[in-house]
């Protein structure tokens, strides 16, 4: 079982939750997810920095990252996450390519 961290823009948070469920239940992945601000609470810069630091730690613990690139969109933060994962020698799986290979 491969452990992956979901990386994607928060504009796709619902999709990321659905994708994580599918990856765990049907595709035999162990998924580390981002933290979703479902209640849309205001967070401080310190809290945002702490969340980012935690997300990079999840990347370190993973075998790969799973990039949710719906309609080809990859934001600045996700670009940094991809670069970080690659610098650690982690596999980068793109949803647009992975989903198109499923039967």
Protein backbone atom coordinates (compact mmCIF):
# COMPACT_ATOMS: atom_id res chain seq x y z
CA UNK A 1 0.00 0.00 0.00
CA UNK A 2 1.45 3.35 -1.09
CA UNK A 3 1.06 6.42 1.14
CA UNK A 4 0.26 9.63 -0.75
CA UNK A 5 -0.36 13.20 0.29
CA UNK A 6 -3.14 15.01 -1.55
CA UNK A 7 -1.97 18.36 -2.96
CA UNK A 8 -4.34 20.76 -4.67
CA UNK A 9 -5.95 24.16 -4.58
CA UNK A 10 -8.58 24.66 -1.90
CA UNK A 11 -10.96 25.60 -4.70
CA UNK A 12 -11.08 21.83 -5.24
CA UNK A 13 -11.57 20.82 -1.59
CA UNK A 14 -14.76 18.83 -2.26
CA UNK A 15 -13.14 17.05 -5.18
CA UNK A 16 -10.04 16.31 -3.09
CA UNK A 17 -12.18 14.73 -0.38
CA UNK A 18 -13.96 12.54 -2.95
CA UNK A 19 -10.68 11.62 -4.63
CA UNK A 20 -9.14 10.68 -1.27
CA UNK A 21 -12.10 8.41 -0.50
CA UNK A 22 -11.78 6.71 -3.89
CA UNK A 23 -8.02 6.29 -3.58
CA UNK A 24 -8.40 4.62 -0.18
CA UNK A 25 -11.44 2.45 -0.91
CA UNK A 26 -10.83 1.41 -4.50
CA UNK A 27 -7.18 2.00 -5.34
CA UNK A 28 -5.37 0.68 -2.24
CA UNK A 29 -3.68 3.95 -1.27
CA UNK A 30 -3.16 5.32 2.23
CA UNK A 31 -4.02 9.03 1.93
CA UNK A 32 -2.71 11.91 4.01
CA UNK A 33 -5.04 14.82 3.38
CA UNK A 34 -4.73 18.53 3.79
CA UNK A 35 -6.68 20.27 6.52
CA UNK A 36 -9.97 21.60 5.18
CA UNK A 37 -11.39 24.84 6.61
CA UNK A 38 -14.97 23.69 6.14
CA UNK A 39 -16.35 26.44 8.38
CA UNK A 40 -14.38 29.12 6.45
CA UNK A 41 -12.88 30.50 9.66
CA UNK A 42 -10.40 33.35 9.52
CA UNK A 43 -6.91 32.13 10.34
CA UNK A 44 -3.83 34.10 11.27
CA UNK A 45 -0.60 34.14 9.28
CA UNK A 46 0.96 32.02 12.01
CA UNK A 47 -1.79 29.44 11.75
CA UNK A 48 -1.47 29.38 7.96
CA UNK A 49 2.29 28.92 8.27
CA UNK A 50 1.77 26.08 10.75
CA UNK A 51 -0.65 24.35 8.36
CA UNK A 52 1.84 24.71 5.49
CA UNK A 53 4.66 23.33 7.61
CA UNK A 54 2.50 20.36 8.60
CA UNK A 55 1.60 19.72 4.96
CA UNK A 56 5.27 19.64 3.96
CA UNK A 57 5.87 17.17 6.79
CA UNK A 58 3.12 14.96 5.34
CA UNK A 59 4.96 15.06 2.01
CA UNK A 60 8.12 13.93 3.79
CA UNK A 61 6.25 10.95 5.30
CA UNK A 62 4.65 9.94 2.00
CA UNK A 63 5.84 7.71 -0.80
CA UNK A 64 4.30 10.11 -3.32
CA UNK A 65 2.08 13.15 -3.71
CA UNK A 66 -1.20 13.08 -5.58
CA UNK A 67 -1.74 16.39 -7.37
CA UNK A 68 -5.36 17.34 -7.95
CA UNK A 69 -4.95 19.36 -11.15
CA UNK A 70 -8.53 19.76 -12.31
CA UNK A 71 -8.75 21.55 -15.67
CA UNK A 72 -4.94 21.74 -15.57
CA UNK A 73 -4.92 24.16 -12.65
CA UNK A 74 -1.90 24.06 -10.35
CA UNK A 75 -1.50 27.07 -8.07
CA UNK A 76 1.65 28.62 -6.64
CA UNK A 77 1.55 26.71 -3.36
CA UNK A 78 1.00 23.37 -5.08
CA UNK A 79 3.89 24.17 -7.44
CA UNK A 80 6.09 24.59 -4.35
CA UNK A 81 4.79 21.28 -2.96
CA UNK A 82 5.61 19.51 -6.24
CA UNK A 83 9.12 20.98 -6.26
CA UNK A 84 9.62 19.92 -2.63
CA UNK A 85 8.39 16.39 -3.28
CA UNK A 86 10.70 16.09 -6.30
CA UNK A 87 13.64 17.38 -4.25
CA UNK A 88 13.01 14.49 -1.83
CA UNK A 89 12.80 11.96 -4.67
CA UNK A 90 9.06 11.41 -4.18
CA UNK A 91 6.82 10.22 -6.98
CA UNK A 92 4.40 12.86 -8.30
CA UNK A 93 1.05 11.49 -9.48
CA UNK A 94 -1.19 13.89 -11.42
CA UNK A 95 -4.94 13.35 -11.15
CA UNK A 96 -5.46 14.36 -14.78
CA UNK A 97 -3.17 11.53 -15.92
CA UNK A 98 -4.12 8.98 -13.26
CA UNK A 99 -7.87 9.40 -13.74
CA UNK A 100 -7.54 9.10 -17.51
CA UNK A 101 -5.80 5.72 -17.18
CA UNK A 102 -8.53 4.15 -15.03
CA UNK A 103 -10.85 1.74 -16.74
